[in-house]
Amino acid sequence: CGIDEKEFYLWDLCGHLVLKHVMDHDWLAAANDAIGQVADRIEVGGDASKGSKVLAGTGVPSLKDLFNLPKPYCEPFREMIVHPAVVQRLNWMMGSGFRLRSARAICSVKGTSGHGLHSGAEPLKYTNSYIFQNGRTYSEAINVAWQLRDVTEADGGFVCIPGSHKARYPLPPTLVTCEETMGLVQHVEMQAGDVVIFLAGAQTHG
């Protein structure tokens, strides 16, 4: 199915892939405008820092049920479901027949708490599985995150421990809270329109 061998190697090694410039200017503008138009639906949840002093902040603002927003605000998000660049990769990452579980926009503002690190291949759960067999990979749960703004390290955003989908030892507590990263936690900088695909259950992330 047209797998790029370098991408395949990065996926197997790291547990995540960044696809550059998937969204064009008009699509980005429509998605950002839609969130602004329905901002009254944004719900602020609890502090996600898991007791971390480093990550502490206000609750995490989320806009849920994106595909069922009133038209036309749902449309830029519905386009994401069937984008060929994503579907083509999910086919070789998961196998055909995958299904969508949920979709939300994380609408962080300055001071929003970071998310304590979570997920990983230990303890063993079928939803956290990552298998390489007969020359291909199989995964039970994958997240696809669309970047609607540029994200630098100063902004927060997606972090992960590359390769942690193959770890078989419990995550040390100081890594969960990022109070001691051991040099393992990688912040992934992205530009508006990029997409990051990562092993939701198997790769440790935050």
Protein backbone atom coordinates (compact mmCIF):
# COMPACT_ATOMS: atom_id res chain seq x y z
CA CYS A 1 0.00 0.00 0.00
CA GLY A 2 2.76 2.44 -0.89
CA ILE A 3 4.64 2.40 2.40
CA ASP A 4 7.70 4.62 2.54
CA GLU A 5 10.48 2.53 4.10
CA LYS A 6 11.90 5.51 6.04
CA GLU A 7 8.48 6.29 7.52
CA PHE A 8 7.96 2.65 8.38
CA TYR A 9 11.32 2.53 10.17
CA LEU A 10 10.56 5.72 12.14
CA TRP A 11 7.14 4.41 13.11
CA ASP A 12 8.49 1.08 14.33
CA LEU A 13 11.40 2.73 16.14
CA CYS A 14 9.71 5.77 17.71
CA GLY A 15 5.96 5.12 17.88
CA HIS A 16 4.90 8.36 16.20
CA LEU A 17 5.04 10.09 12.81
CA VAL A 18 4.67 13.77 11.84
CA LEU A 19 3.07 14.50 8.45
CA LYS A 20 3.97 17.97 7.24
CA HIS A 21 1.57 20.50 5.66
CA VAL A 22 -1.47 18.24 5.39
CA MET A 23 -3.95 21.13 5.80
CA ASP A 24 -3.91 24.10 3.41
CA HIS A 25 -4.50 27.73 4.37
CA ASP A 26 -8.26 27.76 3.66
CA TRP A 27 -8.90 24.54 5.57
CA LEU A 28 -6.92 25.82 8.56
CA ALA A 29 -8.80 29.11 8.51
CA ALA A 30 -12.15 27.32 8.42
CA ALA A 31 -11.24 25.04 11.34
CA ASN A 32 -9.95 27.88 13.52
CA ASP A 33 -12.95 30.06 12.66
CA ALA A 34 -15.32 27.21 13.53
CA ILE A 35 -13.83 26.90 17.02
CA GLY A 36 -14.17 30.64 17.52
CA GLN A 37 -17.81 30.57 16.42
CA VAL A 38 -18.78 27.84 18.89
CA ALA A 39 -16.46 28.87 21.73
CA ASP A 40 -19.42 28.84 24.13
CA ARG A 41 -19.39 25.02 23.84
CA ILE A 42 -15.84 24.70 25.17
CA GLU A 43 -15.78 22.89 28.50
CA VAL A 44 -12.95 23.34 31.01
CA GLY A 45 -11.99 20.07 32.67
CA GLY A 46 -9.74 19.37 35.61
CA ASP A 47 -6.01 19.78 36.07
CA ALA A 48 -4.37 16.98 34.07
CA SER A 49 -0.91 17.31 35.63
CA LYS A 50 -1.24 14.27 37.95
CA GLY A 51 0.10 16.28 40.90
CA SER A 52 3.12 17.65 39.04
CA LYS A 53 4.50 21.03 40.10
CA VAL A 54 6.18 21.38 36.71
CA LEU A 55 2.97 20.81 34.73
CA ALA A 56 0.45 22.41 37.11
CA GLY A 57 -2.04 24.94 35.79
CA THR A 58 -5.69 25.59 35.11
CA GLY A 59 -8.11 22.98 33.79
CA VAL A 60 -7.87 21.75 30.21
CA PRO A 61 -10.41 23.38 27.82
CA SER A 62 -11.95 20.94 25.33
CA LEU A 63 -14.42 21.22 22.48
CA LYS A 64 -16.08 17.83 22.06
CA ASP A 65 -18.26 16.17 19.41
CA LEU A 66 -16.59 18.08 16.57
CA PHE A 67 -18.29 16.13 13.77
CA ASN A 68 -21.76 17.05 15.04
CA LEU A 69 -21.26 20.78 15.36
CA PRO A 70 -23.85 22.86 13.46
CA LYS A 71 -23.09 23.28 9.77
CA PRO A 72 -20.83 24.69 8.42
CA TYR A 73 -18.67 24.44 11.56
CA CYS A 74 -18.52 20.63 11.49
CA GLU A 75 -17.26 20.51 7.91
CA PRO A 76 -13.53 21.24 8.34
CA PHE A 77 -13.39 18.50 10.99
CA ARG A 78 -15.34 15.96 8.95
CA GLU A 79 -12.75 16.39 6.19
CA MET A 80 -10.16 15.02 8.62
CA ILE A 81 -11.88 11.63 8.86
CA VAL A 82 -11.21 10.59 5.27
CA HIS A 83 -8.02 12.42 4.36
CA PRO A 84 -6.03 10.08 2.06
CA ALA A 85 -2.66 10.82 3.72
CA VAL A 86 -4.01 9.64 7.07
CA VAL A 87 -6.16 6.75 5.87
CA GLN A 88 -3.29 5.32 3.80
CA ARG A 89 -1.04 5.21 6.86
CA LEU A 90 -3.69 3.87 9.23
CA ASN A 91 -4.20 0.96 6.82
CA TRP A 92 -0.60 -0.19 7.27
CA MET A 93 -0.40 0.76 10.94
CA MET A 94 -3.63 -0.94 12.07
CA GLY A 95 -4.94 -3.03 9.22
CA SER A 96 -8.22 -2.42 7.40
CA GLY A 97 -11.46 -2.16 9.33
CA PHE A 98 -10.37 0.38 11.95
CA ARG A 99 -13.03 2.63 13.47
CA LEU A 100 -13.17 6.10 14.98
CA ARG A 101 -13.85 6.33 18.71
CA SER A 102 -14.05 10.06 19.47
CA ALA A 103 -12.83 13.50 18.45
CA ARG A 104 -12.20 16.68 20.40
CA ALA A 105 -10.23 19.89 20.12
CA ILE A 106 -7.89 20.75 22.98
CA CYS A 107 -8.11 24.55 23.17
CA SER A 108 -5.26 25.32 25.55
CA VAL A 109 -4.59 28.89 26.66
CA LYS A 110 -1.63 30.32 28.53
CA GLY A 111 -1.50 28.70 31.96
CA THR A 112 -3.38 25.51 31.05
CA SER A 113 -1.96 22.53 32.93
CA GLY A 114 0.25 20.07 31.13
CA HIS A 115 -0.85 16.45 30.92
CA GLY A 116 1.13 14.04 33.05
CA LEU A 117 2.73 11.30 30.98
CA HIS A 118 0.52 8.28 30.46
CA SER A 119 0.09 5.08 28.42
CA GLY A 120 2.77 2.57 27.58
CA ALA A 121 3.27 -1.11 26.91
CA GLU A 122 3.37 -1.96 30.64
CA PRO A 123 1.17 -3.21 32.23
CA LEU A 124 0.00 -5.46 29.42
CA LYS A 125 -3.39 -4.51 27.96
CA TYR A 126 -4.73 -5.51 24.57
CA THR A 127 -5.59 -1.85 23.86
CA ASN A 128 -1.91 -0.98 24.39
CA SER A 129 -0.62 -3.64 22.06
CA TYR A 130 1.97 -3.04 19.38
CA ILE A 131 3.05 -6.03 17.31
CA PHE A 132 5.46 -6.43 14.45
CA GLN A 133 4.95 -9.66 12.54
CA ASN A 134 5.39 -10.90 8.96
CA GLY A 135 6.92 -7.60 7.88
CA ARG A 136 4.15 -5.31 9.11
CA THR A 137 2.88 -3.59 12.25
CA TYR A 138 -0.40 -4.02 14.10
CA SER A 139 -1.78 -1.60 16.69
CA GLU A 140 -5.01 -1.53 18.69
CA ALA A 141 -5.23 2.22 19.38
CA ILE A 142 -3.81 5.18 17.45
CA ASN A 143 -4.35 8.92 17.91
CA VAL A 144 -4.32 11.38 15.03
CA ALA A 145 -3.71 14.97 16.19
CA TRP A 146 -4.22 17.86 13.78
CA GLN A 147 -2.29 21.05 14.56
CA LEU A 148 -4.38 24.18 13.99
CA ARG A 149 -1.63 26.53 15.22
CA ASP A 150 2.16 26.55 15.18
CA VAL A 151 3.41 24.70 18.27
CA THR A 152 6.86 25.45 19.68
CA GLU A 153 8.34 24.18 22.92
CA ALA A 154 7.32 27.46 24.57
CA ASP A 155 3.68 26.73 23.69
CA GLY A 156 3.48 23.26 25.20
CA GLY A 157 1.85 20.70 22.93
CA PHE A 158 2.59 17.05 22.27
CA VAL A 159 5.42 15.29 24.11
CA CYS A 160 6.37 11.63 24.09
CA ILE A 161 9.06 9.14 24.99
CA PRO A 162 10.15 7.76 21.60
CA GLY A 163 10.47 3.98 21.63
CA SER A 164 8.43 3.57 24.83
CA HIS A 165 5.90 1.38 22.98
CA LYS A 166 8.53 -1.36 23.29
CA ALA A 167 9.37 -0.76 26.97
CA ARG A 168 8.46 -3.57 29.38
CA TYR A 169 9.13 -1.90 32.71
CA PRO A 170 6.90 0.50 34.70
CA LEU A 171 7.28 4.24 34.09
CA PRO A 172 9.15 5.88 37.01
CA PRO A 173 6.89 8.33 38.94
CA THR A 174 9.20 11.30 38.33
CA LEU A 175 8.80 10.74 34.59
CA VAL A 176 5.00 10.73 34.88
CA THR A 177 5.18 14.23 36.37
CA CYS A 178 8.09 15.38 34.14
CA GLU A 179 9.91 16.52 37.26
CA GLU A 180 12.83 14.42 36.08
CA THR A 181 12.78 13.59 32.39
CA MET A 182 16.04 11.59 32.24
CA GLY A 183 16.57 13.27 28.87
CA LEU A 184 13.94 10.94 27.38
CA VAL A 185 10.90 13.19 26.97
CA GLN A 186 10.79 14.73 23.50
CA HIS A 187 8.72 17.81 22.69
CA VAL A 188 7.55 17.62 19.08
CA GLU A 189 7.45 21.05 17.45
CA MET A 190 4.96 21.40 14.60
CA GLN A 191 3.49 23.98 12.27
CA ALA A 192 -0.15 24.76 11.63
CA GLY A 193 -1.45 22.16 9.20
CA ASP A 194 0.83 19.35 10.37
CA VAL A 195 -0.54 16.07 11.69
CA VAL A 196 1.04 13.80 14.30
CA ILE A 197 0.02 10.14 14.40
CA PHE A 198 1.02 8.26 17.53
CA LEU A 199 0.40 5.01 19.39
CA ALA A 200 -2.30 6.15 21.80
CA GLY A 201 -2.10 3.17 24.11
CA ALA A 202 1.41 1.88 23.58
CA GLN A 203 3.61 4.99 23.41
CA THR A 204 4.05 7.01 26.61
CA HIS A 205 2.94 10.57 25.85
CA GLY A 206 1.48 13.74 27.33
